[in-house]
Amino acid sequence: MQEPAGLIARIRQIRRTADRSAAAPRKAVPENDTTALRALQARIEHLEQLVEGLQDSTHREAERQGRRIAELEARIEPEALSVALSKDARERGL
């Protein structure tokens, strides 16, 4: 019972903090901070490229694993397994 009340209190606190920060007046960026701002923008663009690369890599790996699992499932189907065992027995002379 206390857990939901604590959770609600935390949510209210977070919302109050967010409301205060949204209500606070924004300061104008001084001219000398434009260099820092450009550096941050360049860094964000670099990080976005890294994230996109990670997403692509993860997608390719997931597709590769999916194909591998499908192939393994096809190989252990009763019919395919029976054919493979018969072929192996013939090759070994059993």
N, C-alpha and C. Protein backbone atom coordinates (compact mmCIF):
# COMPACT_ATOMS: atom_id res chain seq x y z
N MET A 1 0.80 -1.20 0.00
CA MET A 1 0.00 0.00 0.00
C MET A 1 0.85 1.27 0.00
N GLN A 2 1.94 1.24 0.71
CA GLN A 2 2.78 2.43 0.79
C GLN A 2 3.53 2.66 -0.51
N GLU A 3 3.79 1.60 -1.23
CA GLU A 3 4.56 1.72 -2.47
C GLU A 3 3.87 2.62 -3.50
N PRO A 4 2.58 2.41 -3.81
CA PRO A 4 1.92 3.31 -4.77
C PRO A 4 1.88 4.76 -4.31
N ALA A 5 1.71 4.98 -3.00
CA ALA A 5 1.68 6.35 -2.50
C ALA A 5 3.05 7.01 -2.68
N GLY A 6 4.11 6.25 -2.43
CA GLY A 6 5.46 6.78 -2.62
C GLY A 6 5.74 7.08 -4.07
N LEU A 7 5.26 6.21 -4.95
CA LEU A 7 5.43 6.41 -6.38
C LEU A 7 4.70 7.67 -6.84
N ILE A 8 3.49 7.84 -6.35
CA ILE A 8 2.70 9.03 -6.72
C ILE A 8 3.41 10.29 -6.23
N ALA A 9 3.96 10.24 -5.01
CA ALA A 9 4.68 11.40 -4.47
C ALA A 9 5.89 11.73 -5.32
N ARG A 10 6.62 10.70 -5.76
CA ARG A 10 7.79 10.94 -6.62
C ARG A 10 7.38 11.54 -7.96
N ILE A 11 6.30 11.04 -8.52
CA ILE A 11 5.83 11.57 -9.81
C ILE A 11 5.44 13.03 -9.66
N ARG A 12 4.73 13.35 -8.57
CA ARG A 12 4.35 14.74 -8.34
C ARG A 12 5.57 15.63 -8.19
N GLN A 13 6.58 15.15 -7.48
CA GLN A 13 7.81 15.93 -7.29
C GLN A 13 8.50 16.17 -8.62
N ILE A 14 8.57 15.15 -9.45
CA ILE A 14 9.20 15.30 -10.77
C ILE A 14 8.42 16.30 -11.62
N ARG A 15 7.10 16.23 -11.57
CA ARG A 15 6.28 17.16 -12.35
C ARG A 15 6.45 18.59 -11.86
N ARG A 16 6.54 18.76 -10.53
CA ARG A 16 6.74 20.12 -9.99
C ARG A 16 8.08 20.68 -10.45
N THR A 17 9.11 19.86 -10.39
CA THR A 17 10.43 20.29 -10.83
C THR A 17 10.41 20.65 -12.32
N ALA A 18 9.73 19.84 -13.12
CA ALA A 18 9.64 20.11 -14.55
C ALA A 18 8.87 21.40 -14.80
N ASP A 19 7.80 21.62 -14.03
CA ASP A 19 7.01 22.85 -14.19
C ASP A 19 7.85 24.08 -13.85
N ARG A 20 8.63 23.98 -12.77
CA ARG A 20 9.48 25.12 -12.38
C ARG A 20 10.52 25.42 -13.44
N SER A 21 11.13 24.37 -13.98
CA SER A 21 12.18 24.61 -14.98
C SER A 21 11.57 25.17 -16.28
N ALA A 22 10.35 24.76 -16.59
CA ALA A 22 9.69 25.29 -17.79
C ALA A 22 9.28 26.74 -17.58
N ALA A 23 8.92 27.11 -16.36
CA ALA A 23 8.48 28.47 -16.07
C ALA A 23 9.65 29.44 -15.93
N ALA A 24 10.85 28.92 -15.68
CA ALA A 24 12.02 29.79 -15.50
C ALA A 24 12.34 30.48 -16.83
N PRO A 25 12.65 31.77 -16.77
CA PRO A 25 12.98 32.49 -18.01
C PRO A 25 14.28 31.97 -18.62
N ARG A 26 14.29 31.88 -19.91
CA ARG A 26 15.48 31.40 -20.62
C ARG A 26 16.44 32.56 -20.82
N LYS A 27 17.72 32.28 -20.59
CA LYS A 27 18.74 33.31 -20.79
C LYS A 27 19.20 33.25 -22.24
N ALA A 28 19.48 34.40 -22.78
CA ALA A 28 19.99 34.47 -24.14
C ALA A 28 21.43 33.97 -24.16
N VAL A 29 21.81 33.34 -25.25
CA VAL A 29 23.16 32.81 -25.37
C VAL A 29 24.09 33.95 -25.76
N PRO A 30 25.11 34.22 -24.95
CA PRO A 30 26.06 35.27 -25.31
C PRO A 30 26.80 34.91 -26.60
N GLU A 31 27.33 35.93 -27.25
CA GLU A 31 28.04 35.75 -28.51
C GLU A 31 29.21 34.76 -28.38
N ASN A 32 29.94 34.82 -27.27
CA ASN A 32 31.12 33.96 -27.15
C ASN A 32 30.75 32.50 -26.92
N ASP A 33 29.49 32.23 -26.62
CA ASP A 33 29.06 30.85 -26.43
C ASP A 33 28.64 30.18 -27.73
N THR A 34 28.60 30.93 -28.83
CA THR A 34 28.21 30.33 -30.10
C THR A 34 29.22 29.27 -30.53
N THR A 35 30.49 29.47 -30.19
CA THR A 35 31.50 28.47 -30.53
C THR A 35 31.23 27.18 -29.77
N ALA A 36 30.93 27.31 -28.50
CA ALA A 36 30.62 26.13 -27.70
C ALA A 36 29.34 25.46 -28.21
N LEU A 37 28.39 26.26 -28.63
CA LEU A 37 27.14 25.73 -29.15
C LEU A 37 27.38 24.95 -30.44
N ARG A 38 28.22 25.50 -31.32
CA ARG A 38 28.55 24.79 -32.56
C ARG A 38 29.28 23.49 -32.27
N ALA A 39 30.18 23.51 -31.28
CA ALA A 39 30.90 22.28 -30.91
C ALA A 39 29.92 21.23 -30.38
N LEU A 40 28.95 21.66 -29.60
CA LEU A 40 27.95 20.73 -29.09
C LEU A 40 27.08 20.17 -30.22
N GLN A 41 26.73 21.03 -31.17
CA GLN A 41 25.94 20.56 -32.30
C GLN A 41 26.72 19.53 -33.12
N ALA A 42 28.00 19.79 -33.33
CA ALA A 42 28.84 18.84 -34.06
C ALA A 42 28.92 17.51 -33.30
N ARG A 43 29.07 17.59 -31.99
CA ARG A 43 29.15 16.39 -31.17
C ARG A 43 27.84 15.61 -31.22
N ILE A 44 26.71 16.31 -31.17
CA ILE A 44 25.40 15.65 -31.25
C ILE A 44 25.24 14.96 -32.60
N GLU A 45 25.65 15.63 -33.68
CA GLU A 45 25.56 15.02 -35.01
C GLU A 45 26.41 13.76 -35.07
N HIS A 46 27.60 13.80 -34.48
CA HIS A 46 28.47 12.64 -34.45
C HIS A 46 27.82 11.50 -33.66
N LEU A 47 27.24 11.83 -32.52
CA LEU A 47 26.58 10.81 -31.70
C LEU A 47 25.37 10.22 -32.42
N GLU A 48 24.64 11.05 -33.15
CA GLU A 48 23.50 10.55 -33.93
C GLU A 48 23.97 9.56 -34.99
N GLN A 49 25.10 9.86 -35.64
CA GLN A 49 25.65 8.94 -36.63
C GLN A 49 26.05 7.62 -35.97
N LEU A 50 26.65 7.70 -34.78
CA LEU A 50 27.03 6.48 -34.07
C LEU A 50 25.80 5.65 -33.70
N VAL A 51 24.75 6.31 -33.24
CA VAL A 51 23.53 5.59 -32.88
C VAL A 51 22.90 4.94 -34.11
N GLU A 52 22.87 5.67 -35.22
CA GLU A 52 22.32 5.09 -36.46
C GLU A 52 23.14 3.88 -36.90
N GLY A 53 24.45 3.98 -36.79
CA GLY A 53 25.31 2.84 -37.13
C GLY A 53 25.05 1.65 -36.23
N LEU A 54 24.87 1.92 -34.95
CA LEU A 54 24.56 0.86 -33.99
C LEU A 54 23.22 0.22 -34.31
N GLN A 55 22.23 1.04 -34.66
CA GLN A 55 20.91 0.51 -35.01
C GLN A 55 21.02 -0.38 -36.26
N ASP A 56 21.75 0.08 -37.27
CA ASP A 56 21.92 -0.70 -38.49
C ASP A 56 22.61 -2.03 -38.19
N SER A 57 23.67 -1.96 -37.40
CA SER A 57 24.42 -3.16 -37.05
C SER A 57 23.54 -4.14 -36.28
N THR A 58 22.77 -3.63 -35.34
CA THR A 58 21.89 -4.48 -34.55
C THR A 58 20.82 -5.11 -35.43
N HIS A 59 20.29 -4.33 -36.37
CA HIS A 59 19.27 -4.86 -37.28
C HIS A 59 19.86 -5.97 -38.16
N ARG A 60 21.05 -5.73 -38.71
CA ARG A 60 21.69 -6.76 -39.55
C ARG A 60 21.95 -8.03 -38.75
N GLU A 61 22.44 -7.89 -37.52
CA GLU A 61 22.72 -9.05 -36.68
C GLU A 61 21.44 -9.80 -36.33
N ALA A 62 20.37 -9.07 -36.05
CA ALA A 62 19.09 -9.71 -35.74
C ALA A 62 18.57 -10.49 -36.94
N GLU A 63 18.70 -9.91 -38.13
CA GLU A 63 18.27 -10.62 -39.34
C GLU A 63 19.12 -11.86 -39.57
N ARG A 64 20.44 -11.74 -39.35
CA ARG A 64 21.34 -12.88 -39.53
C ARG A 64 20.98 -14.00 -38.56
N GLN A 65 20.75 -13.64 -37.31
CA GLN A 65 20.38 -14.63 -36.30
C GLN A 65 19.02 -15.26 -36.63
N GLY A 66 18.10 -14.45 -37.12
CA GLY A 66 16.78 -14.96 -37.51
C GLY A 66 16.89 -15.98 -38.63
N ARG A 67 17.72 -15.68 -39.64
CA ARG A 67 17.92 -16.63 -40.74
C ARG A 67 18.56 -17.91 -40.22
N ARG A 68 19.53 -17.77 -39.33
CA ARG A 68 20.23 -18.94 -38.78
C ARG A 68 19.27 -19.83 -37.97
N ILE A 69 18.44 -19.21 -37.18
CA ILE A 69 17.47 -19.97 -36.39
C ILE A 69 16.47 -20.67 -37.30
N ALA A 70 16.00 -19.98 -38.33
CA ALA A 70 15.05 -20.59 -39.27
C ALA A 70 15.70 -21.78 -39.97
N GLU A 71 16.97 -21.63 -40.33
CA GLU A 71 17.69 -22.74 -40.98
C GLU A 71 17.82 -23.93 -40.03
N LEU A 72 18.16 -23.67 -38.78
CA LEU A 72 18.28 -24.76 -37.80
C LEU A 72 16.93 -25.42 -37.55
N GLU A 73 15.87 -24.63 -37.47
CA GLU A 73 14.54 -25.21 -37.27
C GLU A 73 14.15 -26.08 -38.46
N ALA A 74 14.51 -25.67 -39.67
CA ALA A 74 14.20 -26.47 -40.85
C ALA A 74 14.99 -27.78 -40.83
N ARG A 75 16.21 -27.73 -40.32
CA ARG A 75 17.04 -28.94 -40.29
C ARG A 75 16.56 -29.96 -39.26
N ILE A 76 15.86 -29.50 -38.23
CA ILE A 76 15.41 -30.44 -37.21
C ILE A 76 13.94 -30.85 -37.39
N GLU A 77 13.35 -30.44 -38.49
CA GLU A 77 12.01 -30.91 -38.81
C GLU A 77 12.10 -32.43 -38.98
N PRO A 78 11.09 -33.16 -38.56
CA PRO A 78 11.15 -34.63 -38.63
C PRO A 78 11.51 -35.17 -40.01
N GLU A 79 10.92 -34.62 -41.07
CA GLU A 79 11.21 -35.12 -42.42
C GLU A 79 12.66 -34.85 -42.79
N ALA A 80 13.13 -33.63 -42.56
CA ALA A 80 14.50 -33.27 -42.91
C ALA A 80 15.49 -34.07 -42.06
N LEU A 81 15.18 -34.26 -40.81
CA LEU A 81 16.05 -35.02 -39.92
C LEU A 81 16.12 -36.48 -40.37
N SER A 82 15.01 -37.03 -40.76
CA SER A 82 14.97 -38.41 -41.25
C SER A 82 15.82 -38.57 -42.50
N VAL A 83 15.71 -37.64 -43.43
CA VAL A 83 16.50 -37.68 -44.65
C VAL A 83 17.99 -37.58 -44.32
N ALA A 84 18.36 -36.66 -43.44
CA ALA A 84 19.76 -36.47 -43.07
C ALA A 84 20.32 -37.72 -42.38
N LEU A 85 19.54 -38.36 -41.51
CA LEU A 85 20.00 -39.58 -40.84
C LEU A 85 20.16 -40.73 -41.82
N SER A 86 19.24 -40.86 -42.76
CA SER A 86 19.34 -41.91 -43.78
C SER A 86 20.57 -41.70 -44.65
N LYS A 87 20.81 -40.47 -45.05
CA LYS A 87 21.97 -40.15 -45.87
C LYS A 87 23.26 -40.45 -45.11
N ASP A 88 23.32 -40.08 -43.85
CA ASP A 88 24.49 -40.32 -43.03
C ASP A 88 24.72 -41.82 -42.86
N ALA A 89 23.64 -42.58 -42.65
CA ALA A 89 23.78 -44.05 -42.50
C ALA A 89 24.30 -44.69 -43.78
N ARG A 90 23.83 -44.21 -44.94
CA ARG A 90 24.31 -44.75 -46.22
C ARG A 90 25.79 -44.42 -46.42
N GLU A 91 26.19 -43.17 -46.08
CA GLU A 91 27.58 -42.76 -46.27
C GLU A 91 28.51 -43.51 -45.35
N ARG A 92 28.08 -43.87 -44.17
CA ARG A 92 28.93 -44.59 -43.23
C ARG A 92 28.85 -46.09 -43.42
N GLY A 93 27.92 -46.52 -44.24
CA GLY A 93 27.79 -47.94 -44.50
C GLY A 93 27.11 -48.70 -43.39
N LEU A 94 26.23 -48.02 -42.71
CA LEU A 94 25.50 -48.69 -41.61
C LEU A 94 24.27 -49.38 -42.10
